[in-house]
mmCIF file of all heavy atoms, coordinates in Angstrom:
data_MODEL
# 
_entry.id   MODEL 
# 
loop_
_atom_site.group_PDB 
_atom_site.id 
_atom_site.type_symbol 
_atom_site.label_atom_id 
_atom_site.label_alt_id 
_atom_site.label_comp_id 
_atom_site.label_asym_id 
_atom_site.label_entity_id 
_atom_site.label_seq_id 
_atom_site.pdbx_PDB_ins_code 
_atom_site.Cartn_x 
_atom_site.Cartn_y 
_atom_site.Cartn_z 
_atom_site.occupancy 
_atom_site.B_iso_or_equiv 
_atom_site.pdbx_formal_charge 
_atom_site.auth_seq_id 
_atom_site.auth_comp_id 
_atom_site.auth_asym_id 
_atom_site.auth_atom_id 
_atom_site.pdbx_PDB_model_num 
ATOM 1   N N   . THR A 1 1  ? 110.726 116.723 105.186 1.00 0.00 ? 1  THR A N   1 
ATOM 2   C CA  . THR A 1 1  ? 110.858 117.263 103.916 1.00 0.00 ? 1  THR A CA  1 
ATOM 3   C C   . THR A 1 1  ? 111.231 116.136 102.808 1.00 0.00 ? 1  THR A C   1 
ATOM 4   O O   . THR A 1 1  ? 110.666 116.144 101.708 1.00 0.00 ? 1  THR A O   1 
ATOM 5   C CB  . THR A 1 1  ? 111.918 118.403 103.949 1.00 0.00 ? 1  THR A CB  1 
ATOM 6   O OG1 . THR A 1 1  ? 111.507 119.283 104.929 1.00 0.00 ? 1  THR A OG1 1 
ATOM 7   C CG2 . THR A 1 1  ? 112.093 118.954 102.609 1.00 0.00 ? 1  THR A CG2 1 
ATOM 8   N N   . LEU A 1 2  ? 112.183 115.307 103.236 1.00 0.00 ? 2  LEU A N   1 
ATOM 9   C CA  . LEU A 1 2  ? 112.530 114.222 102.338 1.00 0.00 ? 2  LEU A CA  1 
ATOM 10  C C   . LEU A 1 2  ? 111.430 113.227 102.119 1.00 0.00 ? 2  LEU A C   1 
ATOM 11  O O   . LEU A 1 2  ? 111.229 112.791 100.897 1.00 0.00 ? 2  LEU A O   1 
ATOM 12  C CB  . LEU A 1 2  ? 113.811 113.496 102.756 1.00 0.00 ? 2  LEU A CB  1 
ATOM 13  C CG  . LEU A 1 2  ? 115.140 114.251 102.710 1.00 0.00 ? 2  LEU A CG  1 
ATOM 14  C CD1 . LEU A 1 2  ? 116.116 113.356 103.458 1.00 0.00 ? 2  LEU A CD1 1 
ATOM 15  C CD2 . LEU A 1 2  ? 115.439 114.420 101.278 1.00 0.00 ? 2  LEU A CD2 1 
ATOM 16  N N   . THR A 1 3  ? 110.704 112.963 103.107 1.00 0.00 ? 3  THR A N   1 
ATOM 17  C CA  . THR A 1 3  ? 109.486 112.150 102.941 1.00 0.00 ? 3  THR A CA  1 
ATOM 18  C C   . THR A 1 3  ? 108.404 112.626 101.974 1.00 0.00 ? 3  THR A C   1 
ATOM 19  O O   . THR A 1 3  ? 107.988 112.001 101.097 1.00 0.00 ? 3  THR A O   1 
ATOM 20  C CB  . THR A 1 3  ? 108.841 111.857 104.315 1.00 0.00 ? 3  THR A CB  1 
ATOM 21  O OG1 . THR A 1 3  ? 109.818 111.279 105.158 1.00 0.00 ? 3  THR A OG1 1 
ATOM 22  C CG2 . THR A 1 3  ? 107.583 110.975 104.232 1.00 0.00 ? 3  THR A CG2 1 
ATOM 23  N N   . PHE A 1 4  ? 108.184 113.958 102.189 1.00 0.00 ? 4  PHE A N   1 
ATOM 24  C CA  . PHE A 1 4  ? 107.267 114.716 101.239 1.00 0.00 ? 4  PHE A CA  1 
ATOM 25  C C   . PHE A 1 4  ? 107.729 114.740 99.820  1.00 0.00 ? 4  PHE A C   1 
ATOM 26  O O   . PHE A 1 4  ? 106.967 114.386 98.890  1.00 0.00 ? 4  PHE A O   1 
ATOM 27  C CB  . PHE A 1 4  ? 106.989 116.179 101.773 1.00 0.00 ? 4  PHE A CB  1 
ATOM 28  C CG  . PHE A 1 4  ? 106.140 116.885 100.839 1.00 0.00 ? 4  PHE A CG  1 
ATOM 29  C CD1 . PHE A 1 4  ? 104.772 116.643 100.954 1.00 0.00 ? 4  PHE A CD1 1 
ATOM 30  C CD2 . PHE A 1 4  ? 106.585 117.847 99.932  1.00 0.00 ? 4  PHE A CD2 1 
ATOM 31  C CE1 . PHE A 1 4  ? 103.884 117.379 100.137 1.00 0.00 ? 4  PHE A CE1 1 
ATOM 32  C CE2 . PHE A 1 4  ? 105.711 118.551 99.192  1.00 0.00 ? 4  PHE A CE2 1 
ATOM 33  C CZ  . PHE A 1 4  ? 104.435 118.301 99.262  1.00 0.00 ? 4  PHE A CZ  1 
ATOM 34  N N   . ILE A 1 5  ? 109.077 114.915 99.623  1.00 0.00 ? 5  ILE A N   1 
ATOM 35  C CA  . ILE A 1 5  ? 109.613 114.961 98.241  1.00 0.00 ? 5  ILE A CA  1 
ATOM 36  C C   . ILE A 1 5  ? 109.535 113.538 97.610  1.00 0.00 ? 5  ILE A C   1 
ATOM 37  O O   . ILE A 1 5  ? 109.101 113.352 96.503  1.00 0.00 ? 5  ILE A O   1 
ATOM 38  C CB  . ILE A 1 5  ? 111.103 115.472 98.217  1.00 0.00 ? 5  ILE A CB  1 
ATOM 39  C CG1 . ILE A 1 5  ? 111.093 116.842 98.511  1.00 0.00 ? 5  ILE A CG1 1 
ATOM 40  C CG2 . ILE A 1 5  ? 111.796 115.079 96.928  1.00 0.00 ? 5  ILE A CG2 1 
ATOM 41  C CD1 . ILE A 1 5  ? 112.562 117.476 98.899  1.00 0.00 ? 5  ILE A CD1 1 
ATOM 42  N N   . ILE A 1 6  ? 109.779 112.445 98.401  1.00 0.00 ? 6  ILE A N   1 
ATOM 43  C CA  . ILE A 1 6  ? 109.575 111.080 97.875  1.00 0.00 ? 6  ILE A CA  1 
ATOM 44  C C   . ILE A 1 6  ? 108.228 110.673 97.504  1.00 0.00 ? 6  ILE A C   1 
ATOM 45  O O   . ILE A 1 6  ? 107.917 110.161 96.451  1.00 0.00 ? 6  ILE A O   1 
ATOM 46  C CB  . ILE A 1 6  ? 110.287 110.118 98.931  1.00 0.00 ? 6  ILE A CB  1 
ATOM 47  C CG1 . ILE A 1 6  ? 111.808 110.268 99.037  1.00 0.00 ? 6  ILE A CG1 1 
ATOM 48  C CG2 . ILE A 1 6  ? 109.978 108.642 98.584  1.00 0.00 ? 6  ILE A CG2 1 
ATOM 49  C CD1 . ILE A 1 6  ? 112.481 109.476 100.099 1.00 0.00 ? 6  ILE A CD1 1 
ATOM 50  N N   . LEU A 1 7  ? 107.298 111.113 98.454  1.00 0.00 ? 7  LEU A N   1 
ATOM 51  C CA  . LEU A 1 7  ? 105.885 110.877 98.162  1.00 0.00 ? 7  LEU A CA  1 
ATOM 52  C C   . LEU A 1 7  ? 105.386 111.714 96.921  1.00 0.00 ? 7  LEU A C   1 
ATOM 53  O O   . LEU A 1 7  ? 104.668 111.145 96.139  1.00 0.00 ? 7  LEU A O   1 
ATOM 54  C CB  . LEU A 1 7  ? 105.050 111.225 99.444  1.00 0.00 ? 7  LEU A CB  1 
ATOM 55  C CG  . LEU A 1 7  ? 105.126 110.230 100.606 1.00 0.00 ? 7  LEU A CG  1 
ATOM 56  C CD1 . LEU A 1 7  ? 104.340 110.798 101.757 1.00 0.00 ? 7  LEU A CD1 1 
ATOM 57  C CD2 . LEU A 1 7  ? 104.681 108.872 100.227 1.00 0.00 ? 7  LEU A CD2 1 
ATOM 58  N N   . PHE A 1 8  ? 105.897 112.834 96.795  1.00 0.00 ? 8  PHE A N   1 
ATOM 59  C CA  . PHE A 1 8  ? 105.466 113.624 95.660  1.00 0.00 ? 8  PHE A CA  1 
ATOM 60  C C   . PHE A 1 8  ? 106.099 113.109 94.373  1.00 0.00 ? 8  PHE A C   1 
ATOM 61  O O   . PHE A 1 8  ? 105.425 112.965 93.335  1.00 0.00 ? 8  PHE A O   1 
ATOM 62  C CB  . PHE A 1 8  ? 105.920 115.038 95.839  1.00 0.00 ? 8  PHE A CB  1 
ATOM 63  C CG  . PHE A 1 8  ? 105.414 115.945 94.801  1.00 0.00 ? 8  PHE A CG  1 
ATOM 64  C CD1 . PHE A 1 8  ? 104.088 116.445 94.819  1.00 0.00 ? 8  PHE A CD1 1 
ATOM 65  C CD2 . PHE A 1 8  ? 106.327 116.453 93.852  1.00 0.00 ? 8  PHE A CD2 1 
ATOM 66  C CE1 . PHE A 1 8  ? 103.676 117.209 93.831  1.00 0.00 ? 8  PHE A CE1 1 
ATOM 67  C CE2 . PHE A 1 8  ? 105.819 117.332 92.766  1.00 0.00 ? 8  PHE A CE2 1 
ATOM 68  C CZ  . PHE A 1 8  ? 104.491 117.782 92.795  1.00 0.00 ? 8  PHE A CZ  1 
ATOM 69  N N   . ALA A 1 9  ? 107.260 112.565 94.479  1.00 0.00 ? 9  ALA A N   1 
ATOM 70  C CA  . ALA A 1 9  ? 107.955 112.078 93.186  1.00 0.00 ? 9  ALA A CA  1 
ATOM 71  C C   . ALA A 1 9  ? 107.370 110.757 92.799  1.00 0.00 ? 9  ALA A C   1 
ATOM 72  O O   . ALA A 1 9  ? 107.268 110.464 91.599  1.00 0.00 ? 9  ALA A O   1 
ATOM 73  C CB  . ALA A 1 9  ? 109.423 111.953 93.521  1.00 0.00 ? 9  ALA A CB  1 
ATOM 74  N N   . THR A 1 10 ? 106.995 109.894 93.698  1.00 0.00 ? 10 THR A N   1 
ATOM 75  C CA  . THR A 1 10 ? 106.432 108.595 93.387  1.00 0.00 ? 10 THR A CA  1 
ATOM 76  C C   . THR A 1 10 ? 104.921 108.711 93.008  1.00 0.00 ? 10 THR A C   1 
ATOM 77  O O   . THR A 1 10 ? 104.377 107.680 92.621  1.00 0.00 ? 10 THR A O   1 
ATOM 78  C CB  . THR A 1 10 ? 106.660 107.570 94.540  1.00 0.00 ? 10 THR A CB  1 
ATOM 79  O OG1 . THR A 1 10 ? 105.927 108.050 95.689  1.00 0.00 ? 10 THR A OG1 1 
ATOM 80  C CG2 . THR A 1 10 ? 108.121 107.381 94.800  1.00 0.00 ? 10 THR A CG2 1 
ATOM 81  N N   . GLY A 1 11 ? 104.232 109.868 93.255  1.00 0.00 ? 11 GLY A N   1 
ATOM 82  C CA  . GLY A 1 11 ? 102.919 109.901 92.930  1.00 0.00 ? 11 GLY A CA  1 
ATOM 83  C C   . GLY A 1 11 ? 101.887 109.552 94.015  1.00 0.00 ? 11 GLY A C   1 
ATOM 84  O O   . GLY A 1 11 ? 100.787 109.420 93.792  1.00 0.00 ? 11 GLY A O   1 
ATOM 85  N N   . SER A 1 12 ? 102.427 109.297 95.189  1.00 0.00 ? 12 SER A N   1 
ATOM 86  C CA  . SER A 1 12 ? 101.557 108.826 96.340  1.00 0.00 ? 12 SER A CA  1 
ATOM 87  C C   . SER A 1 12 ? 100.548 109.947 96.654  1.00 0.00 ? 12 SER A C   1 
ATOM 88  O O   . SER A 1 12 ? 99.475  109.593 97.167  1.00 0.00 ? 12 SER A O   1 
ATOM 89  C CB  . SER A 1 12 ? 102.321 108.391 97.433  1.00 0.00 ? 12 SER A CB  1 
ATOM 90  O OG  . SER A 1 12 ? 103.079 107.257 97.113  1.00 0.00 ? 12 SER A OG  1 
ATOM 91  N N   . LEU A 1 13 ? 100.882 111.137 96.435  1.00 0.00 ? 13 LEU A N   1 
ATOM 92  C CA  . LEU A 1 13 ? 100.051 112.211 96.779  1.00 0.00 ? 13 LEU A CA  1 
ATOM 93  C C   . LEU A 1 13 ? 98.927  112.446 95.740  1.00 0.00 ? 13 LEU A C   1 
ATOM 94  O O   . LEU A 1 13 ? 98.087  113.327 95.889  1.00 0.00 ? 13 LEU A O   1 
ATOM 95  C CB  . LEU A 1 13 ? 100.837 113.540 96.981  1.00 0.00 ? 13 LEU A CB  1 
ATOM 96  C CG  . LEU A 1 13 ? 101.863 113.487 98.050  1.00 0.00 ? 13 LEU A CG  1 
ATOM 97  C CD1 . LEU A 1 13 ? 102.568 114.748 98.161  1.00 0.00 ? 13 LEU A CD1 1 
ATOM 98  C CD2 . LEU A 1 13 ? 101.179 113.193 99.438  1.00 0.00 ? 13 LEU A CD2 1 
ATOM 99  N N   . MET A 1 14 ? 98.969  111.683 94.646  1.00 0.00 ? 14 MET A N   1 
ATOM 100 C CA  . MET A 1 14 ? 97.928  111.743 93.564  1.00 0.00 ? 14 MET A CA  1 
ATOM 101 C C   . MET A 1 14 ? 96.716  111.000 93.978  1.00 0.00 ? 14 MET A C   1 
ATOM 102 O O   . MET A 1 14 ? 95.668  111.046 93.370  1.00 0.00 ? 14 MET A O   1 
ATOM 103 C CB  . MET A 1 14 ? 98.550  111.322 92.352  1.00 0.00 ? 14 MET A CB  1 
ATOM 104 C CG  . MET A 1 14 ? 99.703  112.016 91.819  1.00 0.00 ? 14 MET A CG  1 
ATOM 105 S SD  . MET A 1 14 ? 99.362  113.793 91.738  1.00 0.00 ? 14 MET A SD  1 
ATOM 106 C CE  . MET A 1 14 ? 99.466  113.899 90.000  1.00 0.00 ? 14 MET A CE  1 
ATOM 107 N N   . ILE A 1 15 ? 96.735  110.220 95.070  1.00 0.00 ? 15 ILE A N   1 
ATOM 108 C CA  . ILE A 1 15 ? 95.612  109.366 95.492  1.00 0.00 ? 15 ILE A CA  1 
ATOM 109 C C   . ILE A 1 15 ? 94.269  110.198 95.735  1.00 0.00 ? 15 ILE A C   1 
ATOM 110 O O   . ILE A 1 15 ? 93.171  109.819 95.191  1.00 0.00 ? 15 ILE A O   1 
ATOM 111 C CB  . ILE A 1 15 ? 95.994  108.502 96.646  1.00 0.00 ? 15 ILE A CB  1 
ATOM 112 C CG1 . ILE A 1 15 ? 97.049  107.477 96.179  1.00 0.00 ? 15 ILE A CG1 1 
ATOM 113 C CG2 . ILE A 1 15 ? 94.757  107.760 97.234  1.00 0.00 ? 15 ILE A CG2 1 
ATOM 114 C CD1 . ILE A 1 15 ? 97.611  106.648 97.409  1.00 0.00 ? 15 ILE A CD1 1 
ATOM 115 N N   . PRO A 1 16 ? 94.339  111.208 96.395  1.00 0.00 ? 16 PRO A N   1 
ATOM 116 C CA  . PRO A 1 16 ? 93.096  112.010 96.638  1.00 0.00 ? 16 PRO A CA  1 
ATOM 117 C C   . PRO A 1 16 ? 92.533  112.543 95.423  1.00 0.00 ? 16 PRO A C   1 
ATOM 118 O O   . PRO A 1 16 ? 91.269  112.549 95.189  1.00 0.00 ? 16 PRO A O   1 
ATOM 119 C CB  . PRO A 1 16 ? 93.567  113.190 97.483  1.00 0.00 ? 16 PRO A CB  1 
ATOM 120 C CG  . PRO A 1 16 ? 94.739  112.774 98.225  1.00 0.00 ? 16 PRO A CG  1 
ATOM 121 C CD  . PRO A 1 16 ? 95.398  111.763 97.314  1.00 0.00 ? 16 PRO A CD  1 
ATOM 122 N N   . ARG A 1 17 ? 93.343  112.883 94.321  1.00 0.00 ? 17 ARG A N   1 
ATOM 123 C CA  . ARG A 1 17 ? 92.802  113.324 93.062  1.00 0.00 ? 17 ARG A CA  1 
ATOM 124 C C   . ARG A 1 17 ? 92.171  112.195 92.353  1.00 0.00 ? 17 ARG A C   1 
ATOM 125 O O   . ARG A 1 17 ? 91.175  112.375 91.724  1.00 0.00 ? 17 ARG A O   1 
ATOM 126 C CB  . ARG A 1 17 ? 93.997  114.020 92.247  1.00 0.00 ? 17 ARG A CB  1 
ATOM 127 C CG  . ARG A 1 17 ? 93.392  114.621 91.028  1.00 0.00 ? 17 ARG A CG  1 
ATOM 128 C CD  . ARG A 1 17 ? 94.309  115.116 90.021  1.00 0.00 ? 17 ARG A CD  1 
ATOM 129 N NE  . ARG A 1 17 ? 95.612  115.669 90.302  1.00 0.00 ? 17 ARG A NE  1 
ATOM 130 C CZ  . ARG A 1 17 ? 96.470  116.021 89.442  1.00 0.00 ? 17 ARG A CZ  1 
ATOM 131 N NH1 . ARG A 1 17 ? 96.247  115.820 88.131  1.00 0.00 ? 17 ARG A NH1 1 
ATOM 132 N NH2 . ARG A 1 17 ? 97.651  116.413 89.916  1.00 0.00 ? 17 ARG A NH2 1 
ATOM 133 N N   . MET A 1 18 ? 92.787  110.984 92.407  1.00 0.00 ? 18 MET A N   1 
ATOM 134 C CA  . MET A 1 18 ? 92.269  109.860 91.799  1.00 0.00 ? 18 MET A CA  1 
ATOM 135 C C   . MET A 1 18 ? 90.877  109.541 92.363  1.00 0.00 ? 18 MET A C   1 
ATOM 136 O O   . MET A 1 18 ? 89.969  109.238 91.678  1.00 0.00 ? 18 MET A O   1 
ATOM 137 C CB  . MET A 1 18 ? 93.237  108.764 91.780  1.00 0.00 ? 18 MET A CB  1 
ATOM 138 C CG  . MET A 1 18 ? 94.471  108.922 90.990  1.00 0.00 ? 18 MET A CG  1 
ATOM 139 S SD  . MET A 1 18 ? 95.758  107.603 91.004  1.00 0.00 ? 18 MET A SD  1 
ATOM 140 C CE  . MET A 1 18 ? 95.172  106.326 91.987  1.00 0.00 ? 18 MET A CE  1 
ATOM 141 N N   . ILE A 1 19 ? 90.777  109.639 93.595  1.00 0.00 ? 19 ILE A N   1 
ATOM 142 C CA  . ILE A 1 19 ? 89.493  109.303 94.361  1.00 0.00 ? 19 ILE A CA  1 
ATOM 143 C C   . ILE A 1 19 ? 88.412  110.253 93.920  1.00 0.00 ? 19 ILE A C   1 
ATOM 144 O O   . ILE A 1 19 ? 87.296  109.917 93.505  1.00 0.00 ? 19 ILE A O   1 
ATOM 145 C CB  . ILE A 1 19 ? 89.708  109.273 95.883  1.00 0.00 ? 19 ILE A CB  1 
ATOM 146 C CG1 . ILE A 1 19 ? 90.511  108.080 96.312  1.00 0.00 ? 19 ILE A CG1 1 
ATOM 147 C CG2 . ILE A 1 19 ? 88.335  109.238 96.510  1.00 0.00 ? 19 ILE A CG2 1 
ATOM 148 C CD1 . ILE A 1 19 ? 90.886  108.034 97.767  1.00 0.00 ? 19 ILE A CD1 1 
ATOM 149 N N   . SER A 1 20 ? 88.758  111.594 93.773  1.00 0.00 ? 20 SER A N   1 
ATOM 150 C CA  . SER A 1 20 ? 87.787  112.592 93.353  1.00 0.00 ? 20 SER A CA  1 
ATOM 151 C C   . SER A 1 20 ? 87.313  112.362 91.897  1.00 0.00 ? 20 SER A C   1 
ATOM 152 O O   . SER A 1 20 ? 86.197  112.506 91.635  1.00 0.00 ? 20 SER A O   1 
ATOM 153 C CB  . SER A 1 20 ? 88.342  113.997 93.576  1.00 0.00 ? 20 SER A CB  1 
ATOM 154 O OG  . SER A 1 20 ? 89.417  114.188 92.839  1.00 0.00 ? 20 SER A OG  1 
ATOM 155 N N   . GLU A 1 21 ? 88.221  111.912 91.031  1.00 0.00 ? 21 GLU A N   1 
ATOM 156 C CA  . GLU A 1 21 ? 87.860  111.659 89.663  1.00 0.00 ? 21 GLU A CA  1 
ATOM 157 C C   . GLU A 1 21 ? 87.009  110.506 89.491  1.00 0.00 ? 21 GLU A C   1 
ATOM 158 O O   . GLU A 1 21 ? 85.963  110.449 88.736  1.00 0.00 ? 21 GLU A O   1 
ATOM 159 C CB  . GLU A 1 21 ? 89.052  111.396 88.883  1.00 0.00 ? 21 GLU A CB  1 
ATOM 160 C CG  . GLU A 1 21 ? 89.958  112.524 88.319  1.00 0.00 ? 21 GLU A CG  1 
ATOM 161 C CD  . GLU A 1 21 ? 91.057  112.264 87.567  1.00 0.00 ? 21 GLU A CD  1 
ATOM 162 O OE1 . GLU A 1 21 ? 91.024  111.374 86.776  1.00 0.00 ? 21 GLU A OE1 1 
ATOM 163 O OE2 . GLU A 1 21 ? 92.116  113.007 87.597  1.00 0.00 ? 21 GLU A OE2 1 
ATOM 164 N N   . MET A 1 22 ? 87.197  109.449 90.355  1.00 0.00 ? 22 MET A N   1 
ATOM 165 C CA  . MET A 1 22 ? 86.389  108.242 90.401  1.00 0.00 ? 22 MET A CA  1 
ATOM 166 C C   . MET A 1 22 ? 84.986  108.554 90.876  1.00 0.00 ? 22 MET A C   1 
ATOM 167 O O   . MET A 1 22 ? 83.921  108.076 90.339  1.00 0.00 ? 22 MET A O   1 
ATOM 168 C CB  . MET A 1 22 ? 86.889  107.054 91.264  1.00 0.00 ? 22 MET A CB  1 
ATOM 169 C CG  . MET A 1 22 ? 88.156  106.407 90.649  1.00 0.00 ? 22 MET A CG  1 
ATOM 170 S SD  . MET A 1 22 ? 89.029  105.346 91.769  1.00 0.00 ? 22 MET A SD  1 
ATOM 171 C CE  . MET A 1 22 ? 87.726  104.294 92.364  1.00 0.00 ? 22 MET A CE  1 
ATOM 172 N N   . VAL A 1 23 ? 84.779  109.409 91.839  1.00 0.00 ? 23 VAL A N   1 
ATOM 173 C CA  . VAL A 1 23 ? 83.547  109.824 92.434  1.00 0.00 ? 23 VAL A CA  1 
ATOM 174 C C   . VAL A 1 23 ? 82.834  110.716 91.215  1.00 0.00 ? 23 VAL A C   1 
ATOM 175 O O   . VAL A 1 23 ? 81.609  110.580 91.034  1.00 0.00 ? 23 VAL A O   1 
ATOM 176 C CB  . VAL A 1 23 ? 83.762  110.661 93.651  1.00 0.00 ? 23 VAL A CB  1 
ATOM 177 C CG1 . VAL A 1 23 ? 82.384  111.362 94.122  1.00 0.00 ? 23 VAL A CG1 1 
ATOM 178 C CG2 . VAL A 1 23 ? 84.264  109.792 94.809  1.00 0.00 ? 23 VAL A CG2 1 
ATOM 179 N N   . ARG A 1 24 ? 83.555  111.530 90.625  1.00 0.00 ? 24 ARG A N   1 
ATOM 180 C CA  . ARG A 1 24 ? 82.944  112.287 89.518  1.00 0.00 ? 24 ARG A CA  1 
ATOM 181 C C   . ARG A 1 24 ? 82.450  111.438 88.400  1.00 0.00 ? 24 ARG A C   1 
ATOM 182 O O   . ARG A 1 24 ? 81.419  111.690 87.753  1.00 0.00 ? 24 ARG A O   1 
ATOM 183 C CB  . ARG A 1 24 ? 83.976  113.357 89.011  1.00 0.00 ? 24 ARG A CB  1 
ATOM 184 C CG  . ARG A 1 24 ? 83.401  114.735 88.958  1.00 0.00 ? 24 ARG A CG  1 
ATOM 185 C CD  . ARG A 1 24 ? 84.336  115.836 88.484  1.00 0.00 ? 24 ARG A CD  1 
ATOM 186 N NE  . ARG A 1 24 ? 85.819  115.502 88.722  1.00 0.00 ? 24 ARG A NE  1 
ATOM 187 C CZ  . ARG A 1 24 ? 86.674  115.687 87.798  1.00 0.00 ? 24 ARG A CZ  1 
ATOM 188 N NH1 . ARG A 1 24 ? 86.473  116.212 86.720  1.00 0.00 ? 24 ARG A NH1 1 
ATOM 189 N NH2 . ARG A 1 24 ? 87.961  115.377 88.044  1.00 0.00 ? 24 ARG A NH2 1 
ATOM 190 N N   . GLN A 1 25 ? 83.235  110.411 87.985  1.00 0.00 ? 25 GLN A N   1 
ATOM 191 C CA  . GLN A 1 25 ? 82.885  109.582 86.926  1.00 0.00 ? 25 GLN A CA  1 
ATOM 192 C C   . GLN A 1 25 ? 81.669  108.633 87.168  1.00 0.00 ? 25 GLN A C   1 
ATOM 193 O O   . GLN A 1 25 ? 80.808  108.366 86.365  1.00 0.00 ? 25 GLN A O   1 
ATOM 194 C CB  . GLN A 1 25 ? 84.083  108.580 86.532  1.00 0.00 ? 25 GLN A CB  1 
ATOM 195 C CG  . GLN A 1 25 ? 85.186  109.427 85.838  1.00 0.00 ? 25 GLN A CG  1 
ATOM 196 C CD  . GLN A 1 25 ? 86.342  108.425 85.510  1.00 0.00 ? 25 GLN A CD  1 
ATOM 197 O OE1 . GLN A 1 25 ? 86.455  107.238 86.027  1.00 0.00 ? 25 GLN A OE1 1 
ATOM 198 N NE2 . GLN A 1 25 ? 87.350  108.934 84.894  1.00 0.00 ? 25 GLN A NE2 1 
ATOM 199 N N   . HIS A 1 26 ? 81.551  108.334 88.470  1.00 0.00 ? 26 HIS A N   1 
ATOM 200 C CA  . HIS A 1 26 ? 80.459  107.420 88.883  1.00 0.00 ? 26 HIS A CA  1 
ATOM 201 C C   . HIS A 1 26 ? 79.191  108.166 89.353  1.00 0.00 ? 26 HIS A C   1 
ATOM 202 O O   . HIS A 1 26 ? 78.309  107.594 89.962  1.00 0.00 ? 26 HIS A O   1 
ATOM 203 C CB  . HIS A 1 26 ? 80.893  106.343 89.784  1.00 0.00 ? 26 HIS A CB  1 
ATOM 204 C CG  . HIS A 1 26 ? 81.923  105.450 89.247  1.00 0.00 ? 26 HIS A CG  1 
ATOM 205 N ND1 . HIS A 1 26 ? 81.613  104.538 88.227  1.00 0.00 ? 26 HIS A ND1 1 
ATOM 206 C CD2 . HIS A 1 26 ? 83.255  105.386 89.593  1.00 0.00 ? 26 HIS A CD2 1 
ATOM 207 C CE1 . HIS A 1 26 ? 82.746  103.866 88.074  1.00 0.00 ? 26 HIS A CE1 1 
ATOM 208 N NE2 . HIS A 1 26 ? 83.751  104.312 88.885  1.00 0.00 ? 26 HIS A NE2 1 
# 
C-alpha cells in the first residue's frame, strides 16, 4: 500500500498514459 501511494504521488504511474499519448501523437 505504501509503495502504491509513493508511486502514485511521484507520478510513476503516469508512464502508461504518457506512452499512449506519444502513440496517439505520432
